[in-house]
PDB file of N, CA and C in Angstrom:
ATOM      1  N   MET A   1       0.845  -1.179   0.000  1.00  0.00           N
ATOM      2  CA  MET A   1       0.000   0.000   0.000  1.00  0.00           C
ATOM      3  C   MET A   1       0.890   1.243   0.000  1.00  0.00           C
ATOM      4  N   ASP A   2       0.567   2.202  -0.850  1.00  0.00           N
ATOM      5  CA  ASP A   2       1.373   3.427  -0.888  1.00  0.00           C
ATOM      6  C   ASP A   2       1.057   4.284   0.338  1.00  0.00           C
ATOM      7  N   LYS A   3       1.893   5.272   0.591  1.00  0.00           N
ATOM      8  CA  LYS A   3       1.791   6.071   1.814  1.00  0.00           C
ATOM      9  C   LYS A   3       0.525   6.928   1.855  1.00  0.00           C
ATOM     10  N   VAL A   4       0.075   7.405   0.722  1.00  0.00           N
ATOM     11  CA  VAL A   4      -1.152   8.198   0.689  1.00  0.00           C
ATOM     12  C   VAL A   4      -2.336   7.319   1.088  1.00  0.00           C
ATOM     13  N   SER A   5      -2.439   6.149   0.480  1.00  0.00           N
ATOM     14  CA  SER A   5      -3.514   5.218   0.822  1.00  0.00           C
ATOM     15  C   SER A   5      -3.425   4.780   2.277  1.00  0.00           C
ATOM     16  N   ASN A   6      -2.204   4.562   2.752  1.00  0.00           N
ATOM     17  CA  ASN A   6      -1.993   4.168   4.136  1.00  0.00           C
ATOM     18  C   ASN A   6      -2.491   5.260   5.081  1.00  0.00           C
ATOM     19  N   ALA A   7      -2.170   6.514   4.788  1.00  0.00           N
ATOM     20  CA  ALA A   7      -2.625   7.629   5.625  1.00  0.00           C
ATOM     21  C   ALA A   7      -4.152   7.691   5.669  1.00  0.00           C
ATOM     22  N   VAL A   8      -4.787   7.524   4.518  1.00  0.00           N
ATOM     23  CA  VAL A   8      -6.253   7.557   4.451  1.00  0.00           C
ATOM     24  C   VAL A   8      -6.847   6.401   5.257  1.00  0.00           C
ATOM     25  N   GLU A   9      -6.276   5.211   5.118  1.00  0.00           N
ATOM     26  CA  GLU A   9      -6.771   4.044   5.867  1.00  0.00           C
ATOM     27  C   GLU A   9      -6.591   4.230   7.370  1.00  0.00           C
ATOM     28  N   LEU A  10      -5.474   4.811   7.780  1.00  0.00           N
ATOM     29  CA  LEU A  10      -5.255   5.075   9.202  1.00  0.00           C
ATOM     30  C   LEU A  10      -6.309   6.052   9.727  1.00  0.00           C
ATOM     31  N   MET A  11      -6.654   7.048   8.924  1.00  0.00           N
ATOM     32  CA  MET A  11      -7.668   8.030   9.322  1.00  0.00           C
ATOM     33  C   MET A  11      -9.042   7.376   9.441  1.00  0.00           C
ATOM     34  N   LYS A  12      -9.318   6.416   8.585  1.00  0.00           N
ATOM     35  CA  LYS A  12     -10.599   5.699   8.652  1.00  0.00           C
ATOM     36  C   LYS A  12     -10.674   4.831   9.901  1.00  0.00           C
ATOM     37  N   GLY A  13      -9.511   4.493  10.445  1.00  0.00           N
ATOM     38  CA  GLY A  13      -9.454   3.668  11.652  1.00  0.00           C
ATOM     39  C   GLY A  13      -9.469   4.537  12.895  1.00  0.00           C
ATOM     40  N   ALA A  14      -8.602   4.235  13.804  1.00  0.00           N
ATOM     41  CA  ALA A  14      -8.612   4.903  15.116  1.00  0.00           C
ATOM     42  C   ALA A  14      -7.581   6.015  15.253  1.00  0.00           C
ATOM     43  N   HIS A  15      -7.053   6.512  14.140  1.00  0.00           N
ATOM     44  CA  HIS A  15      -6.021   7.547  14.208  1.00  0.00           C
ATOM     45  C   HIS A  15      -6.578   8.919  13.851  1.00  0.00           C
ATOM     46  N   SER A  16      -5.982   9.941  14.438  1.00  0.00           N
ATOM     47  CA  SER A  16      -6.374  11.317  14.132  1.00  0.00           C
ATOM     48  C   SER A  16      -5.733  11.744  12.805  1.00  0.00           C
ATOM     49  N   CYS A  17      -6.067  12.939  12.366  1.00  0.00           N
ATOM     50  CA  CYS A  17      -5.506  13.471  11.115  1.00  0.00           C
ATOM     51  C   CYS A  17      -3.982  13.543  11.183  1.00  0.00           C
ATOM     52  N   SER A  18      -3.469  14.120  12.254  1.00  0.00           N
ATOM     53  CA  SER A  18      -2.017  14.269  12.383  1.00  0.00           C
ATOM     54  C   SER A  18      -1.325  12.922  12.526  1.00  0.00           C
ATOM     55  N   GLN A  19      -1.917  12.030  13.293  1.00  0.00           N
ATOM     56  CA  GLN A  19      -1.331  10.695  13.451  1.00  0.00           C
ATOM     57  C   GLN A  19      -1.327   9.940  12.128  1.00  0.00           C
ATOM     58  N   SER A  20      -2.376  10.073  11.362  1.00  0.00           N
ATOM     59  CA  SER A  20      -2.476   9.349  10.088  1.00  0.00           C
ATOM     60  C   SER A  20      -1.345   9.717   9.142  1.00  0.00           C
ATOM     61  N   VAL A  21      -1.066  10.998   9.030  1.00  0.00           N
ATOM     62  CA  VAL A  21      -0.002  11.452   8.125  1.00  0.00           C
ATOM     63  C   VAL A  21       1.371  11.089   8.686  1.00  0.00           C
ATOM     64  N   LEU A  22       1.624  11.401   9.945  1.00  0.00           N
ATOM     65  CA  LEU A  22       2.951  11.140  10.496  1.00  0.00           C
ATOM     66  C   LEU A  22       3.241   9.643  10.564  1.00  0.00           C
ATOM     67  N   CYS A  23       2.262   8.837  10.916  1.00  0.00           N
ATOM     68  CA  CYS A  23       2.479   7.379  10.967  1.00  0.00           C
ATOM     69  C   CYS A  23       2.745   6.800   9.581  1.00  0.00           C
ATOM     70  N   ALA A  24       2.042   7.295   8.565  1.00  0.00           N
ATOM     71  CA  ALA A  24       2.247   6.802   7.200  1.00  0.00           C
ATOM     72  C   ALA A  24       3.647   7.141   6.685  1.00  0.00           C
ATOM     73  N   PHE A  25       4.207   8.244   7.170  1.00  0.00           N
ATOM     74  CA  PHE A  25       5.520   8.710   6.712  1.00  0.00           C
ATOM     75  C   PHE A  25       6.585   8.608   7.811  1.00  0.00           C
ATOM     76  N   CYS A  26       6.352   7.752   8.801  1.00  0.00           N
ATOM     77  CA  CYS A  26       7.274   7.674   9.938  1.00  0.00           C
ATOM     78  C   CYS A  26       8.695   7.305   9.522  1.00  0.00           C
ATOM     79  N   GLU A  27       8.843   6.430   8.547  1.00  0.00           N
ATOM     80  CA  GLU A  27      10.196   6.065   8.091  1.00  0.00           C
ATOM     81  C   GLU A  27      10.916   7.267   7.488  1.00  0.00           C
ATOM     82  N   ASP A  28      10.198   8.083   6.740  1.00  0.00           N
ATOM     83  CA  ASP A  28      10.794   9.290   6.160  1.00  0.00           C
ATOM     84  C   ASP A  28      11.215  10.268   7.252  1.00  0.00           C
ATOM     85  N   ALA A  29      10.456  10.266   8.353  1.00  0.00           N
ATOM     86  CA  ALA A  29      10.765  11.157   9.477  1.00  0.00           C
ATOM     87  C   ALA A  29      11.836  10.575  10.395  1.00  0.00           C
ATOM     88  N   GLY A  30      12.195   9.308  10.161  1.00  0.00           N
ATOM     89  CA  GLY A  30      13.217   8.668  10.972  1.00  0.00           C
ATOM     90  C   GLY A  30      12.750   8.292  12.369  1.00  0.00           C
ATOM     91  N   ILE A  31      11.457   7.994  12.497  1.00  0.00           N
ATOM     92  CA  ILE A  31      10.897   7.602  13.788  1.00  0.00           C
ATOM     93  C   ILE A  31      10.060   6.337  13.646  1.00  0.00           C
ATOM     94  N   THR A  32       9.778   5.706  14.765  1.00  0.00           N
ATOM     95  CA  THR A  32       8.950   4.500  14.732  1.00  0.00           C
ATOM     96  C   THR A  32       7.479   4.878  14.607  1.00  0.00           C
ATOM     97  N   PHE A  33       6.675   3.912  14.224  1.00  0.00           N
ATOM     98  CA  PHE A  33       5.231   4.100  14.135  1.00  0.00           C
ATOM     99  C   PHE A  33       4.675   4.518  15.497  1.00  0.00           C
ATOM    100  N   GLU A  34       5.128   3.830  16.532  1.00  0.00           N
ATOM    101  CA  GLU A  34       4.648   4.109  17.892  1.00  0.00           C
ATOM    102  C   GLU A  34       5.028   5.530  18.329  1.00  0.00           C
ATOM    103  N   ASP A  35       6.246   5.952  18.030  1.00  0.00           N
ATOM    104  CA  ASP A  35       6.654   7.317  18.364  1.00  0.00           C
ATOM    105  C   ASP A  35       5.856   8.331  17.553  1.00  0.00           C
ATOM    106  N   ALA A  36       5.577   8.008  16.306  1.00  0.00           N
ATOM    107  CA  ALA A  36       4.784   8.905  15.457  1.00  0.00           C
ATOM    108  C   ALA A  36       3.389   9.114  16.056  1.00  0.00           C
ATOM    109  N   GLU A  37       2.783   8.050  16.558  1.00  0.00           N
ATOM    110  CA  GLU A  37       1.470   8.174  17.186  1.00  0.00           C
ATOM    111  C   GLU A  37       1.516   9.153  18.360  1.00  0.00           C
ATOM    112  N   LYS A  38       2.541   9.024  19.180  1.00  0.00           N
ATOM    113  CA  LYS A  38       2.674   9.885  20.368  1.00  0.00           C
ATOM    114  C   LYS A  38       3.001  11.330  19.992  1.00  0.00           C
ATOM    115  N   ILE A  39       3.940  11.495  19.082  1.00  0.00           N
ATOM    116  CA  ILE A  39       4.373  12.843  18.682  1.00  0.00           C
ATOM    117  C   ILE A  39       3.231  13.618  18.032  1.00  0.00           C
ATOM    118  N   ALA A  40       2.445  12.943  17.208  1.00  0.00           N
ATOM    119  CA  ALA A  40       1.389  13.611  16.439  1.00  0.00           C
ATOM    120  C   ALA A  40       0.122  13.892  17.246  1.00  0.00           C
ATOM    121  N   ALA A  41      -0.083  13.190  18.332  1.00  0.00           N
ATOM    122  CA  ALA A  41      -1.335  13.300  19.088  1.00  0.00           C
ATOM    123  C   ALA A  41      -1.737  14.740  19.444  1.00  0.00           C
ATOM    124  N   PRO A  42      -0.821  15.581  19.902  1.00  0.00           N
ATOM    125  CA  PRO A  42      -1.235  16.941  20.292  1.00  0.00           C
ATOM    126  C   PRO A  42      -1.619  17.860  19.128  1.00  0.00           C
ATOM    127  N   TYR A  43      -1.393  17.436  17.905  1.00  0.00           N
ATOM    128  CA  TYR A  43      -1.643  18.290  16.745  1.00  0.00           C
ATOM    129  C   TYR A  43      -3.007  18.058  16.090  1.00  0.00           C
ATOM    130  N   SER A  44      -3.738  17.086  16.538  1.00  0.00           N
ATOM    131  CA  SER A  44      -4.996  16.738  15.867  1.00  0.00           C
ATOM    132  C   SER A  44      -6.108  17.733  16.172  1.00  0.00           C
ATOM    133  N   GLY A  45      -7.044  17.793  15.265  1.00  0.00           N
ATOM    134  CA  GLY A  45      -8.226  18.610  15.468  1.00  0.00           C
ATOM    135  C   GLY A  45      -7.973  20.096  15.580  1.00  0.00           C
ATOM    136  N   GLY A  46      -6.891  20.566  15.004  1.00  0.00           N
ATOM    137  CA  GLY A  46      -6.605  21.993  15.017  1.00  0.00           C
ATOM    138  C   GLY A  46      -6.169  22.540  16.362  1.00  0.00           C
ATOM    139  N   ARG A  47      -5.749  21.671  17.263  1.00  0.00           N
ATOM    140  CA  ARG A  47      -5.334  22.124  18.597  1.00  0.00           C
ATOM    141  C   ARG A  47      -4.125  23.051  18.555  1.00  0.00           C
ATOM    142  N   LYS A  48      -3.365  22.999  17.477  1.00  0.00           N
ATOM    143  CA  LYS A  48      -2.215  23.893  17.314  1.00  0.00           C
ATOM    144  C   LYS A  48      -2.517  24.945  16.236  1.00  0.00           C
ATOM    145  N   ILE A  49      -3.767  25.240  16.047  1.00  0.00           N
ATOM    146  CA  ILE A  49      -4.301  26.205  15.086  1.00  0.00           C
ATOM    147  C   ILE A  49      -4.285  25.645  13.663  1.00  0.00           C
ATOM    148  N   LYS A  50      -3.118  25.296  13.167  1.00  0.00           N
ATOM    149  CA  LYS A  50      -2.996  24.738  11.813  1.00  0.00           C
ATOM    150  C   LYS A  50      -3.656  23.360  11.754  1.00  0.00           C
ATOM    151  N   CYS A  51      -4.068  22.996  10.572  1.00  0.00           N
ATOM    152  CA  CYS A  51      -4.587  21.654  10.308  1.00  0.00           C
ATOM    153  C   CYS A  51      -3.569  20.609  10.789  1.00  0.00           C
ATOM    154  N   GLY A  52      -4.033  19.607  11.505  1.00  0.00           N
ATOM    155  CA  GLY A  52      -3.146  18.569  12.031  1.00  0.00           C
ATOM    156  C   GLY A  52      -2.405  17.811  10.940  1.00  0.00           C
ATOM    157  N   ALA A  53      -3.045  17.620   9.787  1.00  0.00           N
ATOM    158  CA  ALA A  53      -2.385  16.928   8.673  1.00  0.00           C
ATOM    159  C   ALA A  53      -1.225  17.759   8.139  1.00  0.00           C
ATOM    160  N   VAL A  54      -1.365  19.077   8.188  1.00  0.00           N
ATOM    161  CA  VAL A  54      -0.290  19.981   7.775  1.00  0.00           C
ATOM    162  C   VAL A  54       0.847  19.912   8.790  1.00  0.00           C
ATOM    163  N   CYS A  55       0.514  19.992  10.064  1.00  0.00           N
ATOM    164  CA  CYS A  55       1.538  19.923  11.120  1.00  0.00           C
ATOM    165  C   CYS A  55       2.348  18.636  11.020  1.00  0.00           C
ATOM    166  N   ALA A  56       1.671  17.526  10.769  1.00  0.00           N
ATOM    167  CA  ALA A  56       2.361  16.238  10.655  1.00  0.00           C
ATOM    168  C   ALA A  56       3.314  16.225   9.469  1.00  0.00           C
ATOM    169  N   ALA A  57       2.880  16.753   8.341  1.00  0.00           N
ATOM    170  CA  ALA A  57       3.752  16.818   7.163  1.00  0.00           C
ATOM    171  C   ALA A  57       4.966  17.692   7.447  1.00  0.00           C
ATOM    172  N   GLU A  58       4.759  18.771   8.195  1.00  0.00           N
ATOM    173  CA  GLU A  58       5.866  19.660   8.532  1.00  0.00           C
ATOM    174  C   GLU A  58       6.873  18.971   9.463  1.00  0.00           C
ATOM    175  N   ILE A  59       6.397  18.105  10.341  1.00  0.00           N
ATOM    176  CA  ILE A  59       7.303  17.329  11.193  1.00  0.00           C
ATOM    177  C   ILE A  59       8.157  16.414  10.327  1.00  0.00           C
ATOM    178  N   VAL A  60       7.545  15.762   9.358  1.00  0.00           N
ATOM    179  CA  VAL A  60       8.292  14.882   8.447  1.00  0.00           C
ATOM    180  C   VAL A  60       9.356  15.685   7.711  1.00  0.00           C
ATOM    181  N   LEU A  61       8.971  16.824   7.162  1.00  0.00           N
ATOM    182  CA  LEU A  61       9.917  17.654   6.416  1.00  0.00           C
ATOM    183  C   LEU A  61      11.046  18.150   7.311  1.00  0.00           C
ATOM    184  N   GLN A  62      10.714  18.555   8.528  1.00  0.00           N
ATOM    185  CA  GLN A  62      11.743  19.027   9.462  1.00  0.00           C
ATOM    186  C   GLN A  62      12.735  17.909   9.789  1.00  0.00           C
ATOM    187  N   ASN A  63      12.221  16.740  10.072  1.00  0.00           N
ATOM    188  CA  ASN A  63      13.097  15.608  10.400  1.00  0.00           C
ATOM    189  C   ASN A  63      13.932  15.171   9.203  1.00  0.00           C
ATOM    190  N   LYS A  64      13.350  15.205   8.026  1.00  0.00           N
ATOM    191  CA  LYS A  64      14.030  14.733   6.817  1.00  0.00           C
ATOM    192  C   LYS A  64      15.097  15.721   6.323  1.00  0.00           C
ATOM    193  N   PHE A  65      14.784  17.023   6.374  1.00  0.00           N
ATOM    194  CA  PHE A  65      15.656  18.011   5.755  1.00  0.00           C
ATOM    195  C   PHE A  65      16.407  18.902   6.732  1.00  0.00           C
ATOM    196  N   GLY A  66      16.115  18.793   8.014  1.00  0.00           N
ATOM    197  CA  GLY A  66      16.850  19.559   9.021  1.00  0.00           C
ATOM    198  C   GLY A  66      16.865  21.048   8.737  1.00  0.00           C
ATOM    199  N   ALA A  67      18.054  21.620   8.658  1.00  0.00           N
ATOM    200  CA  ALA A  67      18.218  23.063   8.475  1.00  0.00           C
ATOM    201  C   ALA A  67      17.606  23.568   7.165  1.00  0.00           C
ATOM    202  N   ALA A  68      17.504  22.709   6.183  1.00  0.00           N
ATOM    203  CA  ALA A  68      16.942  23.103   4.885  1.00  0.00           C
ATOM    204  C   ALA A  68      15.414  22.969   4.838  1.00  0.00           C
ATOM    205  N   ALA A  69      14.800  22.615   5.943  1.00  0.00           N
ATOM    206  CA  ALA A  69      13.365  22.324   5.962  1.00  0.00           C
ATOM    207  C   ALA A  69      12.485  23.556   5.774  1.00  0.00           C
ATOM    208  N   GLU A  70      12.924  24.715   6.216  1.00  0.00           N
ATOM    209  CA  GLU A  70      12.068  25.909   6.150  1.00  0.00           C
ATOM    210  C   GLU A  70      11.558  26.179   4.742  1.00  0.00           C
ATOM    211  N   GLU A  71      12.430  26.052   3.772  1.00  0.00           N
ATOM    212  CA  GLU A  71      12.019  26.265   2.378  1.00  0.00           C
ATOM    213  C   GLU A  71      11.010  25.204   1.946  1.00  0.00           C
ATOM    214  N   LYS A  72      11.251  23.973   2.338  1.00  0.00           N
ATOM    215  CA  LYS A  72      10.332  22.870   2.008  1.00  0.00           C
ATOM    216  C   LYS A  72       8.981  23.076   2.682  1.00  0.00           C
ATOM    217  N   ILE A  73       9.004  23.511   3.935  1.00  0.00           N
ATOM    218  CA  ILE A  73       7.759  23.745   4.673  1.00  0.00           C
ATOM    219  C   ILE A  73       6.959  24.866   4.015  1.00  0.00           C
ATOM    220  N   SER A  74       7.619  25.925   3.612  1.00  0.00           N
ATOM    221  CA  SER A  74       6.936  27.024   2.912  1.00  0.00           C
ATOM    222  C   SER A  74       6.312  26.534   1.612  1.00  0.00           C
ATOM    223  N   GLU A  75       7.061  25.723   0.888  1.00  0.00           N
ATOM    224  CA  GLU A  75       6.542  25.151  -0.366  1.00  0.00           C
ATOM    225  C   GLU A  75       5.331  24.273  -0.087  1.00  0.00           C
ATOM    226  N   PHE A  76       5.429  23.430   0.937  1.00  0.00           N
ATOM    227  CA  PHE A  76       4.312  22.555   1.295  1.00  0.00           C
ATOM    228  C   PHE A  76       3.073  23.383   1.643  1.00  0.00           C
ATOM    229  N   GLU A  77       3.249  24.390   2.500  1.00  0.00           N
ATOM    230  CA  GLU A  77       2.118  25.217   2.917  1.00  0.00           C
ATOM    231  C   GLU A  77       1.461  25.919   1.734  1.00  0.00           C
ATOM    232  N   GLN A  78       2.270  26.405   0.810  1.00  0.00           N
ATOM    233  CA  GLN A  78       1.721  27.076  -0.376  1.00  0.00           C
ATOM    234  C   GLN A  78       0.884  26.101  -1.194  1.00  0.00           C
ATOM    235  N   LYS A  79       1.387  24.893  -1.378  1.00  0.00           N
ATOM    236  CA  LYS A  79       0.664  23.891  -2.170  1.00  0.00           C
ATOM    237  C   LYS A  79      -0.625  23.460  -1.472  1.00  0.00           C
ATOM    238  N   PHE A  80      -0.559  23.265  -0.164  1.00  0.00           N
ATOM    239  CA  PHE A  80      -1.749  22.851   0.583  1.00  0.00           C
ATOM    240  C   PHE A  80      -2.797  23.967   0.564  1.00  0.00           C
ATOM    241  N   GLN A  81      -2.364  25.188   0.823  1.00  0.00           N
ATOM    242  CA  GLN A  81      -3.289  26.329   0.823  1.00  0.00           C
ATOM    243  C   GLN A  81      -3.932  26.491  -0.551  1.00  0.00           C
ATOM    244  N   SER A  82      -3.156  26.325  -1.599  1.00  0.00           N
ATOM    245  CA  SER A  82      -3.687  26.435  -2.958  1.00  0.00           C
ATOM    246  C   SER A  82      -4.735  25.355  -3.223  1.00  0.00           C
ATOM    247  N   LYS A  83      -4.484  24.155  -2.735  1.00  0.00           N
ATOM    248  CA  LYS A  83      -5.395  23.020  -2.968  1.00  0.00           C
ATOM    249  C   LYS A  83      -6.658  23.108  -2.100  1.00  0.00           C
ATOM    250  N   VAL A  84      -6.480  23.392  -0.808  1.00  0.00           N
ATOM    251  CA  VAL A  84      -7.587  23.329   0.145  1.00  0.00           C
ATOM    252  C   VAL A  84      -8.256  24.686   0.368  1.00  0.00           C
ATOM    253  N   GLY A  85      -7.472  25.753   0.344  1.00  0.00           N
ATOM    254  CA  GLY A  85      -8.027  27.082   0.537  1.00  0.00           C
ATOM    255  C   GLY A  85      -7.687  27.712   1.874  1.00  0.00           C
ATOM    256  N   ALA A  86      -7.046  26.943   2.761  1.00  0.00           N
ATOM    257  CA  ALA A  86      -6.655  27.465   4.073  1.00  0.00           C
ATOM    258  C   ALA A  86      -5.683  26.495   4.731  1.00  0.00           C
ATOM    259  N   LEU A  87      -4.946  26.994   5.722  1.00  0.00           N
ATOM    260  CA  LEU A  87      -4.063  26.152   6.543  1.00  0.00           C
ATOM    261  C   LEU A  87      -4.642  25.950   7.932  1.00  0.00           C
ATOM    262  N   ASN A  88      -5.455  26.894   8.378  1.00  0.00           N
ATOM    263  CA  ASN A  88      -6.032  26.893   9.708  1.00  0.00           C
ATOM    264  C   ASN A  88      -7.210  25.918   9.769  1.00  0.00           C
ATOM    265  N   CYS A  89      -7.164  25.003  10.720  1.00  0.00           N
ATOM    266  CA  CYS A  89      -8.204  23.983  10.847  1.00  0.00           C
ATOM    267  C   CYS A  89      -9.598  24.603  10.973  1.00  0.00           C
ATOM    268  N   LYS A  90      -9.727  25.607  11.807  1.00  0.00           N
ATOM    269  CA  LYS A  90     -11.042  26.226  12.001  1.00  0.00           C
ATOM    270  C   LYS A  90     -11.571  26.834  10.707  1.00  0.00           C
ATOM    271  N   ASP A  91     -10.696  27.455   9.920  1.00  0.00           N
ATOM    272  CA  ASP A  91     -11.129  28.024   8.643  1.00  0.00           C
ATOM    273  C   ASP A  91     -11.576  26.929   7.678  1.00  0.00           C
ATOM    274  N   ILE A  92     -10.833  25.836   7.662  1.00  0.00           N
ATOM    275  CA  ILE A  92     -11.185  24.713   6.780  1.00  0.00           C
ATOM    276  C   ILE A  92     -12.544  24.154   7.170  1.00  0.00           C
ATOM    277  N   ARG A  93     -12.745  23.945   8.462  1.00  0.00           N
ATOM    278  CA  ARG A  93     -14.007  23.366   8.944  1.00  0.00           C
ATOM    279  C   ARG A  93     -15.172  24.340   8.828  1.00  0.00           C
ATOM    280  N   ARG A  94     -14.953  25.577   9.292  1.00  0.00           N
ATOM    281  CA  ARG A  94     -16.031  26.581   9.311  1.00  0.00           C
ATOM    282  C   ARG A  94     -16.563  26.828   7.908  1.00  0.00           C
ATOM    283  N   ASN A  95     -15.674  26.857   6.939  1.00  0.00           N
ATOM    284  CA  ASN A  95     -16.075  27.150   5.561  1.00  0.00           C
ATOM    285  C   ASN A  95     -16.336  25.903   4.730  1.00  0.00           C
ATOM    286  N   ASN A  96     -16.334  24.736   5.398  1.00  0.00           N
ATOM    287  CA  ASN A  96     -16.586  23.464   4.707  1.00  0.00           C
ATOM    288  C   ASN A  96     -15.730  23.308   3.454  1.00  0.00           C
ATOM    289  N   LEU A  97     -14.444  23.670   3.576  1.00  0.00           N
ATOM    290  CA  LEU A  97     -13.546  23.601   2.424  1.00  0.00           C
ATOM    291  C   LEU A  97     -13.180  22.163   2.083  1.00  0.00           C
ATOM    292  N   ARG A  98     -13.019  21.327   3.125  1.00  0.00           N
ATOM    293  CA  ARG A  98     -12.572  19.958   2.905  1.00  0.00           C
ATOM    294  C   ARG A  98     -12.809  19.173   4.194  1.00  0.00           C
ATOM    295  N   PRO A  99     -13.302  17.933   4.108  1.00  0.00           N
ATOM    296  CA  PRO A  99     -13.412  17.118   5.318  1.00  0.00           C
ATOM    297  C   PRO A  99     -12.018  16.709   5.798  1.00  0.00           C
ATOM    298  N   CYS A 100     -11.920  16.329   7.048  1.00  0.00           N
ATOM    299  CA  CYS A 100     -10.608  15.971   7.620  1.00  0.00           C
ATOM    300  C   CYS A 100      -9.906  14.877   6.807  1.00  0.00           C
ATOM    301  N   ILE A 101     -10.636  13.875   6.387  1.00  0.00           N
ATOM    302  CA  ILE A 101     -10.004  12.796   5.624  1.00  0.00           C
ATOM    303  C   ILE A 101      -9.467  13.326   4.290  1.00  0.00           C
ATOM    304  N   GLY A 102     -10.121  14.327   3.729  1.00  0.00           N
ATOM    305  CA  GLY A 102      -9.625  14.958   2.506  1.00  0.00           C
ATOM    306  C   GLY A 102      -8.338  15.726   2.753  1.00  0.00           C
ATOM    307  N   CYS A 103      -8.259  16.373   3.912  1.00  0.00           N
ATOM    308  CA  CYS A 103      -7.020  17.087   4.277  1.00  0.00           C
ATOM    309  C   CYS A 103      -5.879  16.105   4.466  1.00  0.00           C
ATOM    310  N   VAL A 104      -6.173  14.953   5.052  1.00  0.00           N
ATOM    311  CA  VAL A 104      -5.152  13.907   5.215  1.00  0.00           C
ATOM    312  C   VAL A 104      -4.676  13.450   3.841  1.00  0.00           C
ATOM    313  N   GLU A 105      -5.602  13.184   2.945  1.00  0.00           N
ATOM    314  CA  GLU A 105      -5.234  12.731   1.598  1.00  0.00           C
ATOM    315  C   GLU A 105      -4.421  13.795   0.862  1.00  0.00           C
ATOM    316  N   ASP A 106      -4.859  15.048   0.936  1.00  0.00           N
ATOM    317  CA  ASP A 106      -4.138  16.129   0.254  1.00  0.00           C
ATOM    318  C   ASP A 106      -2.746  16.322   0.840  1.00  0.00           C
ATOM    319  N   SER A 107      -2.656  16.330   2.163  1.00  0.00           N
ATOM    320  CA  SER A 107      -1.363  16.494   2.822  1.00  0.00           C
ATOM    321  C   SER A 107      -0.414  15.369   2.435  1.00  0.00           C
ATOM    322  N   ALA A 108      -0.900  14.142   2.481  1.00  0.00           N
ATOM    323  CA  ALA A 108      -0.069  12.983   2.148  1.00  0.00           C
ATOM    324  C   ALA A 108       0.344  12.990   0.680  1.00  0.00           C
ATOM    325  N   THR A 109      -0.546  13.408  -0.197  1.00  0.00           N
ATOM    326  CA  THR A 109      -0.230  13.467  -1.628  1.00  0.00           C
ATOM    327  C   THR A 109       0.863  14.501  -1.902  1.00  0.00           C
ATOM    328  N   ILE A 110       0.695  15.687  -1.337  1.00  0.00           N
ATOM    329  CA  ILE A 110       1.691  16.743  -1.531  1.00  0.00           C
ATOM    330  C   ILE A 110       3.034  16.315  -0.950  1.00  0.00           C
ATOM    331  N   LEU A 111       3.003  15.767   0.255  1.00  0.00           N
ATOM    332  CA  LEU A 111       4.235  15.324   0.919  1.00  0.00           C
ATOM    333  C   LEU A 111       4.916  14.216   0.124  1.00  0.00           C
ATOM    334  N   SER A 112       4.164  13.269  -0.336  1.00  0.00           N
ATOM    335  CA  SER A 112       4.722  12.167  -1.125  1.00  0.00           C
ATOM    336  C   SER A 112       5.404  12.679  -2.384  1.00  0.00           C
ATOM    337  N   THR A 113       4.784  13.605  -3.060  1.00  0.00           N
ATOM    338  CA  THR A 113       5.364  14.197  -4.268  1.00  0.00           C
ATOM    339  C   THR A 113       6.647  14.959  -3.947  1.00  0.00           C
ATOM    340  N   MET A 114       6.618  15.729  -2.859  1.00  0.00           N
ATOM    341  CA  MET A 114       7.812  16.488  -2.492  1.00  0.00           C
ATOM    342  C   MET A 114       8.973  15.589  -2.101  1.00  0.00           C
ATOM    343  N   LEU A 115       8.685  14.511  -1.419  1.00  0.00           N
ATOM    344  CA  LEU A 115       9.744  13.595  -1.002  1.00  0.00           C
ATOM    345  C   LEU A 115      10.316  12.809  -2.177  1.00  0.00           C
ATOM    346  N   ALA A 116       9.513  12.633  -3.224  1.00  0.00           N
ATOM    347  CA  ALA A 116       9.968  11.888  -4.406  1.00  0.00           C
ATOM    348  C   ALA A 116      10.897  12.733  -5.279  1.00  0.00           C
ATOM    349  N   ASN A 117      10.820  14.053  -5.133  1.00  0.00           N
ATOM    350  CA  ASN A 117      11.637  14.947  -5.967  1.00  0.00           C
ATOM    351  C   ASN A 117      12.979  15.243  -5.354  1.00  0.00           C
TER     352      ASN A 117
END
């Protein structure tokens, strides 16, 4: 199963938006699945303002690219905002821009493409 499909399946199960993305890409982030579940937990449901799926992708990018991550994170945010219409969870939900599972799929798709390049 590819990472995008894995993230979506995790979201359909017992994982939050942030956990779904970070767990699907845990190897890219250099962490275990179990650590990904714990690390991502506080980011779900917009608790950190930004969409949890975005926060999880940013953790992957930070872990993967270190000091060079800021440029990658900016690129990711621009692509996500262009696709979904917002980065803030409340804005996404309030304006019915995309359901949470759609944000997980979009985040995972963008992240997968960026990591492949």
